[in-house]
PDB file of N, CA and C in Angstrom:
ATOM      1  N   MET A   1       0.847  -1.183   0.000  1.00  0.00           N
ATOM      2  CA  MET A   1       0.000   0.000   0.000  1.00  0.00           C
ATOM      3  C   MET A   1       0.886   1.238   0.000  1.00  0.00           C
ATOM      4  N   VAL A   2       0.593   2.162  -0.848  1.00  0.00           N
ATOM      5  CA  VAL A   2       1.406   3.358  -0.997  1.00  0.00           C
ATOM      6  C   VAL A   2       1.205   4.330   0.154  1.00  0.00           C
ATOM      7  N   HIS A   3       0.045   4.334   0.767  1.00  0.00           N
ATOM      8  CA  HIS A   3      -0.259   5.337   1.780  1.00  0.00           C
ATOM      9  C   HIS A   3       0.202   4.963   3.183  1.00  0.00           C
ATOM     10  N   SER A   4       0.769   3.804   3.353  1.00  0.00           N
ATOM     11  CA  SER A   4       1.266   3.437   4.669  1.00  0.00           C
ATOM     12  C   SER A   4       2.779   3.576   4.694  1.00  0.00           C
ATOM     13  N   GLY A   5       3.314   3.653   5.865  1.00  0.00           N
ATOM     14  CA  GLY A   5       4.757   3.763   6.011  1.00  0.00           C
ATOM     15  C   GLY A   5       5.115   4.931   6.902  1.00  0.00           C
ATOM     16  N   PRO A   6       6.394   5.011   7.265  1.00  0.00           N
ATOM     17  CA  PRO A   6       6.819   6.078   8.174  1.00  0.00           C
ATOM     18  C   PRO A   6       6.843   7.439   7.483  1.00  0.00           C
ATOM     19  N   ILE A   7       6.680   8.484   8.270  1.00  0.00           N
ATOM     20  CA  ILE A   7       6.802   9.852   7.766  1.00  0.00           C
ATOM     21  C   ILE A   7       8.274  10.221   7.815  1.00  0.00           C
ATOM     22  N   ILE A   8       8.864  10.453   6.642  1.00  0.00           N
ATOM     23  CA  ILE A   8      10.292  10.754   6.588  1.00  0.00           C
ATOM     24  C   ILE A   8      10.571  12.240   6.372  1.00  0.00           C
ATOM     25  N   CYS A   9       9.532  13.031   6.119  1.00  0.00           N
ATOM     26  CA  CYS A   9       9.700  14.469   5.903  1.00  0.00           C
ATOM     27  C   CYS A   9       9.905  15.167   7.250  1.00  0.00           C
ATOM     28  N   ILE A  10      11.041  15.812   7.414  1.00  0.00           N
ATOM     29  CA  ILE A  10      11.360  16.480   8.667  1.00  0.00           C
ATOM     30  C   ILE A  10      10.399  17.642   8.922  1.00  0.00           C
ATOM     31  N   PHE A  11      10.069  18.393   7.878  1.00  0.00           N
ATOM     32  CA  PHE A  11       9.124  19.511   8.019  1.00  0.00           C
ATOM     33  C   PHE A  11       7.777  19.014   8.531  1.00  0.00           C
ATOM     34  N   ARG A  12       7.298  17.914   7.977  1.00  0.00           N
ATOM     35  CA  ARG A  12       6.005  17.370   8.409  1.00  0.00           C
ATOM     36  C   ARG A  12       6.082  16.826   9.834  1.00  0.00           C
ATOM     37  N   ARG A  13       7.197  16.207  10.191  1.00  0.00           N
ATOM     38  CA  ARG A  13       7.353  15.705  11.564  1.00  0.00           C
ATOM     39  C   ARG A  13       7.314  16.831  12.575  1.00  0.00           C
ATOM     40  N   TRP A  14       7.968  17.947  12.253  1.00  0.00           N
ATOM     41  CA  TRP A  14       8.064  19.059  13.192  1.00  0.00           C
ATOM     42  C   TRP A  14       6.795  19.893  13.239  1.00  0.00           C
ATOM     43  N   THR A  15       6.115  20.063  12.098  1.00  0.00           N
ATOM     44  CA  THR A  15       4.985  20.989  12.042  1.00  0.00           C
ATOM     45  C   THR A  15       3.633  20.313  11.851  1.00  0.00           C
ATOM     46  N   ASP A  16       3.611  19.044  11.484  1.00  0.00           N
ATOM     47  CA  ASP A  16       2.402  18.303  11.141  1.00  0.00           C
ATOM     48  C   ASP A  16       1.690  18.910   9.922  1.00  0.00           C
ATOM     49  N   LEU A  17       2.447  19.644   9.102  1.00  0.00           N
ATOM     50  CA  LEU A  17       1.954  20.208   7.846  1.00  0.00           C
ATOM     51  C   LEU A  17       2.706  19.563   6.689  1.00  0.00           C
ATOM     52  N   ASN A  18       2.055  19.494   5.542  1.00  0.00           N
ATOM     53  CA  ASN A  18       2.729  18.973   4.354  1.00  0.00           C
ATOM     54  C   ASN A  18       3.659  20.031   3.776  1.00  0.00           C
ATOM     55  N   CYS A  19       4.876  19.643   3.483  1.00  0.00           N
ATOM     56  CA  CYS A  19       5.799  20.547   2.810  1.00  0.00           C
ATOM     57  C   CYS A  19       5.434  20.566   1.316  1.00  0.00           C
ATOM     58  N   PRO A  20       6.014  21.469   0.538  1.00  0.00           N
ATOM     59  CA  PRO A  20       5.686  21.509  -0.890  1.00  0.00           C
ATOM     60  C   PRO A  20       6.007  20.218  -1.639  1.00  0.00           C
ATOM     61  N   GLY A  21       6.863  19.394  -1.101  1.00  0.00           N
ATOM     62  CA  GLY A  21       7.217  18.148  -1.778  1.00  0.00           C
ATOM     63  C   GLY A  21       6.543  16.911  -1.215  1.00  0.00           C
ATOM     64  N   CYS A  22       5.812  17.060  -0.115  1.00  0.00           N
ATOM     65  CA  CYS A  22       5.147  15.901   0.476  1.00  0.00           C
ATOM     66  C   CYS A  22       4.149  15.299  -0.505  1.00  0.00           C
ATOM     67  N   GLY A  23       4.261  14.013  -0.720  1.00  0.00           N
ATOM     68  CA  GLY A  23       3.375  13.307  -1.625  1.00  0.00           C
ATOM     69  C   GLY A  23       3.996  12.991  -2.967  1.00  0.00           C
ATOM     70  N   LEU A  24       5.175  13.555  -3.252  1.00  0.00           N
ATOM     71  CA  LEU A  24       5.799  13.302  -4.551  1.00  0.00           C
ATOM     72  C   LEU A  24       6.184  11.838  -4.726  1.00  0.00           C
ATOM     73  N   THR A  25       6.708  11.217  -3.696  1.00  0.00           N
ATOM     74  CA  THR A  25       7.084   9.809  -3.809  1.00  0.00           C
ATOM     75  C   THR A  25       5.857   8.956  -4.074  1.00  0.00           C
ATOM     76  N   ARG A  26       4.782   9.201  -3.342  1.00  0.00           N
ATOM     77  CA  ARG A  26       3.543   8.447  -3.573  1.00  0.00           C
ATOM     78  C   ARG A  26       3.009   8.703  -4.978  1.00  0.00           C
ATOM     79  N   ALA A  27       3.086   9.960  -5.438  1.00  0.00           N
ATOM     80  CA  ALA A  27       2.625  10.278  -6.791  1.00  0.00           C
ATOM     81  C   ALA A  27       3.453   9.542  -7.835  1.00  0.00           C
ATOM     82  N   PHE A  28       4.767   9.464  -7.641  1.00  0.00           N
ATOM     83  CA  PHE A  28       5.632   8.750  -8.589  1.00  0.00           C
ATOM     84  C   PHE A  28       5.294   7.257  -8.607  1.00  0.00           C
ATOM     85  N   VAL A  29       5.041   6.683  -7.437  1.00  0.00           N
ATOM     86  CA  VAL A  29       4.683   5.264  -7.383  1.00  0.00           C
ATOM     87  C   VAL A  29       3.368   5.034  -8.116  1.00  0.00           C
ATOM     88  N   HIS A  30       2.399   5.905  -7.892  1.00  0.00           N
ATOM     89  CA  HIS A  30       1.119   5.773  -8.591  1.00  0.00           C
ATOM     90  C   HIS A  30       1.302   5.926 -10.099  1.00  0.00           C
ATOM     91  N   MET A  31       2.149   6.856 -10.516  1.00  0.00           N
ATOM     92  CA  MET A  31       2.390   7.031 -11.952  1.00  0.00           C
ATOM     93  C   MET A  31       3.040   5.789 -12.541  1.00  0.00           C
ATOM     94  N   GLY A  32       3.942   5.175 -11.785  1.00  0.00           N
ATOM     95  CA  GLY A  32       4.571   3.944 -12.250  1.00  0.00           C
ATOM     96  C   GLY A  32       3.575   2.804 -12.427  1.00  0.00           C
ATOM     97  N   HIS A  33       2.476   2.868 -11.686  1.00  0.00           N
ATOM     98  CA  HIS A  33       1.416   1.856 -11.798  1.00  0.00           C
ATOM     99  C   HIS A  33       0.262   2.335 -12.681  1.00  0.00           C
ATOM    100  N   LEU A  34       0.483   3.488 -13.364  1.00  0.00           N
ATOM    101  CA  LEU A  34      -0.519   4.079 -14.260  1.00  0.00           C
ATOM    102  C   LEU A  34      -1.825   4.404 -13.545  1.00  0.00           C
ATOM    103  N   GLN A  35      -1.723   4.799 -12.288  1.00  0.00           N
ATOM    104  CA  GLN A  35      -2.890   5.197 -11.497  1.00  0.00           C
ATOM    105  C   GLN A  35      -2.928   6.729 -11.453  1.00  0.00           C
ATOM    106  N   TRP A  36      -3.476   7.299 -12.524  1.00  0.00           N
ATOM    107  CA  TRP A  36      -3.429   8.745 -12.727  1.00  0.00           C
ATOM    108  C   TRP A  36      -4.139   9.525 -11.623  1.00  0.00           C
ATOM    109  N   SER A  37      -5.357   9.156 -11.306  1.00  0.00           N
ATOM    110  CA  SER A  37      -6.114   9.955 -10.334  1.00  0.00           C
ATOM    111  C   SER A  37      -5.483   9.882  -8.945  1.00  0.00           C
ATOM    112  N   GLN A  38      -4.986   8.705  -8.565  1.00  0.00           N
ATOM    113  CA  GLN A  38      -4.323   8.593  -7.267  1.00  0.00           C
ATOM    114  C   GLN A  38      -3.035   9.418  -7.239  1.00  0.00           C
ATOM    115  N   ALA A  39      -2.343   9.487  -8.378  1.00  0.00           N
ATOM    116  CA  ALA A  39      -1.118  10.287  -8.447  1.00  0.00           C
ATOM    117  C   ALA A  39      -1.432  11.760  -8.245  1.00  0.00           C
ATOM    118  N   PHE A  40      -2.485  12.259  -8.895  1.00  0.00           N
ATOM    119  CA  PHE A  40      -2.875  13.654  -8.709  1.00  0.00           C
ATOM    120  C   PHE A  40      -3.374  13.904  -7.292  1.00  0.00           C
ATOM    121  N   ASP A  41      -4.020  12.913  -6.679  1.00  0.00           N
ATOM    122  CA  ASP A  41      -4.471  13.061  -5.294  1.00  0.00           C
ATOM    123  C   ASP A  41      -3.293  13.131  -4.326  1.00  0.00           C
ATOM    124  N   ALA A  42      -2.234  12.375  -4.613  1.00  0.00           N
ATOM    125  CA  ALA A  42      -1.068  12.360  -3.724  1.00  0.00           C
ATOM    126  C   ALA A  42      -0.312  13.686  -3.785  1.00  0.00           C
ATOM    127  N   HIS A  43      -0.145  14.232  -4.993  1.00  0.00           N
ATOM    128  CA  HIS A  43       0.547  15.510  -5.180  1.00  0.00           C
ATOM    129  C   HIS A  43       0.138  16.051  -6.533  1.00  0.00           C
ATOM    130  N   LEU A  44      -0.415  17.239  -6.560  1.00  0.00           N
ATOM    131  CA  LEU A  44      -0.960  17.809  -7.784  1.00  0.00           C
ATOM    132  C   LEU A  44       0.079  17.923  -8.892  1.00  0.00           C
ATOM    133  N   PHE A  45       1.325  18.211  -8.542  1.00  0.00           N
ATOM    134  CA  PHE A  45       2.361  18.400  -9.543  1.00  0.00           C
ATOM    135  C   PHE A  45       3.228  17.160  -9.743  1.00  0.00           C
ATOM    136  N   GLY A  46       2.949  16.085  -9.009  1.00  0.00           N
ATOM    137  CA  GLY A  46       3.710  14.850  -9.156  1.00  0.00           C
ATOM    138  C   GLY A  46       3.688  14.270 -10.559  1.00  0.00           C
ATOM    139  N   PRO A  47       2.519  14.131 -11.180  1.00  0.00           N
ATOM    140  CA  PRO A  47       2.491  13.592 -12.543  1.00  0.00           C
ATOM    141  C   PRO A  47       3.239  14.468 -13.555  1.00  0.00           C
ATOM    142  N   PHE A  48       3.172  15.789 -13.386  1.00  0.00           N
ATOM    143  CA  PHE A  48       3.906  16.681 -14.290  1.00  0.00           C
ATOM    144  C   PHE A  48       5.415  16.506 -14.121  1.00  0.00           C
ATOM    145  N   LEU A  49       5.873  16.443 -12.881  1.00  0.00           N
ATOM    146  CA  LEU A  49       7.291  16.237 -12.619  1.00  0.00           C
ATOM    147  C   LEU A  49       7.731  14.872 -13.115  1.00  0.00           C
ATOM    148  N   PHE A  50       6.888  13.865 -12.936  1.00  0.00           N
ATOM    149  CA  PHE A  50       7.185  12.527 -13.437  1.00  0.00           C
ATOM    150  C   PHE A  50       7.357  12.553 -14.961  1.00  0.00           C
ATOM    151  N   ALA A  51       6.457  13.245 -15.649  1.00  0.00           N
ATOM    152  CA  ALA A  51       6.542  13.342 -17.112  1.00  0.00           C
ATOM    153  C   ALA A  51       7.803  14.076 -17.552  1.00  0.00           C
ATOM    154  N   ILE A  52       8.146  15.155 -16.851  1.00  0.00           N
ATOM    155  CA  ILE A  52       9.352  15.911 -17.199  1.00  0.00           C
ATOM    156  C   ILE A  52      10.598  15.072 -16.984  1.00  0.00           C
ATOM    157  N   LEU A  53      10.670  14.382 -15.850  1.00  0.00           N
ATOM    158  CA  LEU A  53      11.846  13.544 -15.576  1.00  0.00           C
ATOM    159  C   LEU A  53      11.932  12.364 -16.542  1.00  0.00           C
ATOM    160  N   THR A  54      10.791  11.781 -16.886  1.00  0.00           N
ATOM    161  CA  THR A  54      10.785  10.695 -17.860  1.00  0.00           C
ATOM    162  C   THR A  54      11.282  11.190 -19.212  1.00  0.00           C
ATOM    163  N   ALA A  55      10.839  12.373 -19.622  1.00  0.00           N
ATOM    164  CA  ALA A  55      11.297  12.951 -20.889  1.00  0.00           C
ATOM    165  C   ALA A  55      12.802  13.217 -20.855  1.00  0.00           C
ATOM    166  N   CYS A  56      13.305  13.689 -19.718  1.00  0.00           N
ATOM    167  CA  CYS A  56      14.756  13.934 -19.593  1.00  0.00           C
ATOM    168  C   CYS A  56      15.547  12.643 -19.707  1.00  0.00           C
ATOM    169  N   VAL A  57      15.056  11.584 -19.079  1.00  0.00           N
ATOM    170  CA  VAL A  57      15.744  10.290 -19.161  1.00  0.00           C
ATOM    171  C   VAL A  57      15.725   9.781 -20.601  1.00  0.00           C
ATOM    172  N   LEU A  58      14.571   9.844 -21.240  1.00  0.00           N
ATOM    173  CA  LEU A  58      14.476   9.381 -22.629  1.00  0.00           C
ATOM    174  C   LEU A  58      15.348  10.224 -23.551  1.00  0.00           C
ATOM    175  N   LEU A  59      15.398  11.520 -23.314  1.00  0.00           N
ATOM    176  CA  LEU A  59      16.244  12.398 -24.123  1.00  0.00           C
ATOM    177  C   LEU A  59      17.715  12.065 -23.938  1.00  0.00           C
ATOM    178  N   SER A  60      18.102  11.680 -22.732  1.00  0.00           N
ATOM    179  CA  SER A  60      19.509  11.341 -22.490  1.00  0.00           C
ATOM    180  C   SER A  60      19.919  10.053 -23.202  1.00  0.00           C
ATOM    181  N   LEU A  61      18.943   9.233 -23.588  1.00  0.00           N
ATOM    182  CA  LEU A  61      19.260   7.995 -24.299  1.00  0.00           C
ATOM    183  C   LEU A  61      19.480   8.211 -25.787  1.00  0.00           C
ATOM    184  N   ILE A  62      19.074   9.365 -26.289  1.00  0.00           N
ATOM    185  CA  ILE A  62      19.262   9.677 -27.710  1.00  0.00           C
ATOM    186  C   ILE A  62      20.706  10.100 -27.918  1.00  0.00           C
ATOM    187  N   PRO A  63      21.357   9.579 -28.941  1.00  0.00           N
ATOM    188  CA  PRO A  63      22.740   9.987 -29.202  1.00  0.00           C
ATOM    189  C   PRO A  63      22.852  11.505 -29.383  1.00  0.00           C
ATOM    190  N   GLN A  64      23.996  12.054 -28.995  1.00  0.00           N
ATOM    191  CA  GLN A  64      24.205  13.502 -28.984  1.00  0.00           C
ATOM    192  C   GLN A  64      23.959  14.137 -30.348  1.00  0.00           C
ATOM    193  N   ASN A  65      24.398  13.506 -31.418  1.00  0.00           N
ATOM    194  CA  ASN A  65      24.254  14.117 -32.736  1.00  0.00           C
ATOM    195  C   ASN A  65      22.798  14.142 -33.224  1.00  0.00           C
ATOM    196  N   HIS A  66      21.923  13.297 -32.669  1.00  0.00           N
ATOM    197  CA  HIS A  66      20.509  13.300 -33.033  1.00  0.00           C
ATOM    198  C   HIS A  66      19.662  14.100 -32.043  1.00  0.00           C
ATOM    199  N   ARG A  67      20.226  14.440 -30.918  1.00  0.00           N
ATOM    200  CA  ARG A  67      19.460  15.104 -29.863  1.00  0.00           C
ATOM    201  C   ARG A  67      18.972  16.484 -30.290  1.00  0.00           C
ATOM    202  N   ARG A  68      19.748  17.166 -31.145  1.00  0.00           N
ATOM    203  CA  ARG A  68      19.353  18.497 -31.591  1.00  0.00           C
ATOM    204  C   ARG A  68      18.052  18.465 -32.376  1.00  0.00           C
ATOM    205  N   LEU A  69      17.747  17.346 -33.005  1.00  0.00           N
ATOM    206  CA  LEU A  69      16.498  17.225 -33.758  1.00  0.00           C
ATOM    207  C   LEU A  69      15.295  17.210 -32.819  1.00  0.00           C
ATOM    208  N   VAL A  70      15.481  16.633 -31.631  1.00  0.00           N
ATOM    209  CA  VAL A  70      14.383  16.505 -30.667  1.00  0.00           C
ATOM    210  C   VAL A  70      14.326  17.705 -29.737  1.00  0.00           C
ATOM    211  N   ALA A  71      15.468  18.159 -29.276  1.00  0.00           N
ATOM    212  CA  ALA A  71      15.527  19.248 -28.288  1.00  0.00           C
ATOM    213  C   ALA A  71      16.232  20.453 -28.889  1.00  0.00           C
ATOM    214  N   GLY A  72      15.694  20.952 -29.959  1.00  0.00           N
ATOM    215  CA  GLY A  72      16.278  22.101 -30.634  1.00  0.00           C
ATOM    216  C   GLY A  72      15.848  23.410 -30.010  1.00  0.00           C
ATOM    217  N   PRO A  73      16.071  24.493 -30.730  1.00  0.00           N
ATOM    218  CA  PRO A  73      15.740  25.825 -30.214  1.00  0.00           C
ATOM    219  C   PRO A  73      14.250  26.002 -29.909  1.00  0.00           C
ATOM    220  N   GLN A  74      13.385  25.381 -30.709  1.00  0.00           N
ATOM    221  CA  GLN A  74      11.955  25.510 -30.459  1.00  0.00           C
ATOM    222  C   GLN A  74      11.570  24.888 -29.125  1.00  0.00           C
ATOM    223  N   ALA A  75      12.135  23.734 -28.821  1.00  0.00           N
ATOM    224  CA  ALA A  75      11.844  23.076 -27.545  1.00  0.00           C
ATOM    225  C   ALA A  75      12.353  23.922 -26.386  1.00  0.00           C
ATOM    226  N   ARG A  76      13.527  24.530 -26.538  1.00  0.00           N
ATOM    227  CA  ARG A  76      14.060  25.386 -25.472  1.00  0.00           C
ATOM    228  C   ARG A  76      13.200  26.631 -25.292  1.00  0.00           C
ATOM    229  N   MET A  77      12.688  27.204 -26.395  1.00  0.00           N
ATOM    230  CA  MET A  77      11.803  28.367 -26.285  1.00  0.00           C
ATOM    231  C   MET A  77      10.505  27.995 -25.581  1.00  0.00           C
ATOM    232  N   LEU A  78       9.950  26.841 -25.918  1.00  0.00           N
ATOM    233  CA  LEU A  78       8.726  26.393 -25.275  1.00  0.00           C
ATOM    234  C   LEU A  78       8.964  26.176 -23.782  1.00  0.00           C
ATOM    235  N   TRP A  79      10.067  25.507 -23.445  1.00  0.00           N
ATOM    236  CA  TRP A  79      10.356  25.251 -22.036  1.00  0.00           C
ATOM    237  C   TRP A  79      10.600  26.543 -21.278  1.00  0.00           C
ATOM    238  N   SER A  80      11.253  27.531 -21.902  1.00  0.00           N
ATOM    239  CA  SER A  80      11.503  28.797 -21.210  1.00  0.00           C
ATOM    240  C   SER A  80      10.201  29.541 -20.930  1.00  0.00           C
ATOM    241  N   ALA A  81       9.146  29.270 -21.687  1.00  0.00           N
ATOM    242  CA  ALA A  81       7.844  29.869 -21.416  1.00  0.00           C
ATOM    243  C   ALA A  81       7.070  29.063 -20.379  1.00  0.00           C
ATOM    244  N   VAL A  82       7.186  27.748 -20.415  1.00  0.00           N
ATOM    245  CA  VAL A  82       6.414  26.875 -19.525  1.00  0.00           C
ATOM    246  C   VAL A  82       7.025  26.822 -18.129  1.00  0.00           C
ATOM    247  N   GLU A  83       8.336  26.811 -18.040  1.00  0.00           N
ATOM    248  CA  GLU A  83       9.017  26.637 -16.760  1.00  0.00           C
ATOM    249  C   GLU A  83       8.626  27.680 -15.710  1.00  0.00           C
ATOM    250  N   PRO A  84       8.658  28.983 -15.997  1.00  0.00           N
ATOM    251  CA  PRO A  84       8.271  29.948 -14.960  1.00  0.00           C
ATOM    252  C   PRO A  84       6.801  29.814 -14.548  1.00  0.00           C
ATOM    253  N   ALA A  85       5.926  29.529 -15.504  1.00  0.00           N
ATOM    254  CA  ALA A  85       4.506  29.375 -15.176  1.00  0.00           C
ATOM    255  C   ALA A  85       4.286  28.160 -14.283  1.00  0.00           C
ATOM    256  N   LEU A  86       4.970  27.062 -14.593  1.00  0.00           N
ATOM    257  CA  LEU A  86       4.856  25.853 -13.782  1.00  0.00           C
ATOM    258  C   LEU A  86       5.401  26.086 -12.379  1.00  0.00           C
ATOM    259  N   LEU A  87       6.537  26.745 -12.280  1.00  0.00           N
ATOM    260  CA  LEU A  87       7.133  27.031 -10.976  1.00  0.00           C
ATOM    261  C   LEU A  87       6.252  27.969 -10.156  1.00  0.00           C
ATOM    262  N   ALA A  88       5.722  29.008 -10.780  1.00  0.00           N
ATOM    263  CA  ALA A  88       4.868  29.957 -10.063  1.00  0.00           C
ATOM    264  C   ALA A  88       3.587  29.278  -9.581  1.00  0.00           C
ATOM    265  N   SER A  89       2.974  28.474 -10.427  1.00  0.00           N
ATOM    266  CA  SER A  89       1.735  27.802 -10.011  1.00  0.00           C
ATOM    267  C   SER A  89       2.008  26.793  -8.902  1.00  0.00           C
ATOM    268  N   TRP A  90       3.159  26.119  -8.948  1.00  0.00           N
ATOM    269  CA  TRP A  90       3.521  25.191  -7.877  1.00  0.00           C
ATOM    270  C   TRP A  90       3.709  25.931  -6.558  1.00  0.00           C
ATOM    271  N   LEU A  91       4.354  27.093  -6.603  1.00  0.00           N
ATOM    272  CA  LEU A  91       4.569  27.861  -5.377  1.00  0.00           C
ATOM    273  C   LEU A  91       3.249  28.373  -4.795  1.00  0.00           C
ATOM    274  N   VAL A  92       2.357  28.854  -5.649  1.00  0.00           N
ATOM    275  CA  VAL A  92       1.045  29.308  -5.169  1.00  0.00           C
ATOM    276  C   VAL A  92       0.291  28.143  -4.551  1.00  0.00           C
ATOM    277  N   TRP A  93       0.301  27.000  -5.242  1.00  0.00           N
ATOM    278  CA  TRP A  93      -0.375  25.805  -4.716  1.00  0.00           C
ATOM    279  C   TRP A  93       0.230  25.381  -3.378  1.00  0.00           C
ATOM    280  N   ALA A  94       1.558  25.442  -3.262  1.00  0.00           N
ATOM    281  CA  ALA A  94       2.218  25.031  -2.019  1.00  0.00           C
ATOM    282  C   ALA A  94       1.812  25.925  -0.858  1.00  0.00           C
ATOM    283  N   VAL A  95       1.735  27.230  -1.095  1.00  0.00           N
ATOM    284  CA  VAL A  95       1.308  28.157  -0.043  1.00  0.00           C
ATOM    285  C   VAL A  95      -0.141  27.892   0.342  1.00  0.00           C
ATOM    286  N   LEU A  96      -1.019  27.709  -0.656  1.00  0.00           N
ATOM    287  CA  LEU A  96      -2.418  27.421  -0.356  1.00  0.00           C
ATOM    288  C   LEU A  96      -2.555  26.111   0.406  1.00  0.00           C
ATOM    289  N   ARG A  97      -1.724  25.151   0.074  1.00  0.00           N
ATOM    290  CA  ARG A  97      -1.750  23.858   0.774  1.00  0.00           C
ATOM    291  C   ARG A  97      -1.315  24.032   2.229  1.00  0.00           C
ATOM    292  N   LEU A  98      -0.313  24.870   2.459  1.00  0.00           N
ATOM    293  CA  LEU A  98       0.161  25.097   3.826  1.00  0.00           C
ATOM    294  C   LEU A  98      -0.875  25.785   4.695  1.00  0.00           C
ATOM    295  N   VAL A  99      -1.627  26.709   4.120  1.00  0.00           N
ATOM    296  CA  VAL A  99      -2.618  27.430   4.918  1.00  0.00           C
ATOM    297  C   VAL A  99      -3.954  26.698   4.962  1.00  0.00           C
ATOM    298  N   GLY A 100      -4.035  25.545   4.303  1.00  0.00           N
ATOM    299  CA  GLY A 100      -5.220  24.722   4.407  1.00  0.00           C
ATOM    300  C   GLY A 100      -6.277  24.950   3.346  1.00  0.00           C
ATOM    301  N   LEU A 101      -5.969  25.749   2.325  1.00  0.00           N
ATOM    302  CA  LEU A 101      -6.953  26.012   1.280  1.00  0.00           C
ATOM    303  C   LEU A 101      -6.797  25.085   0.083  1.00  0.00           C
ATOM    304  N   GLY A 102      -5.634  24.450  -0.044  1.00  0.00           N
ATOM    305  CA  GLY A 102      -5.398  23.532  -1.150  1.00  0.00           C
ATOM    306  C   GLY A 102      -5.635  22.107  -0.730  1.00  0.00           C
ATOM    307  N   ALA A 103      -5.707  21.231  -1.705  1.00  0.00           N
ATOM    308  CA  ALA A 103      -5.937  19.793  -1.405  1.00  0.00           C
ATOM    309  C   ALA A 103      -4.702  19.157  -0.846  1.00  0.00           C
TER     310      ALA A 103
END
């Protein structure tokens, strides 16, 4: 069962509040089992981070001379637009979660 086990987050042990990263491990486990809704329930940004890390791993397997075809300037421009929005929304969600307004 993914939801059982010891609490290893020091912030949660000290404050009894979820830190911005609490639930990521459970979300990754759910994603590995293709349990989408449980992954989003464990951590709203877990599936997105899982997808980004999976893409990075797959990209690292492509030979260097072919990598430019997949991760060219257009991909970098797209990521430079998406990255700040994703980070800002994660921070807002984390604050709302800490004050009890987020899931």
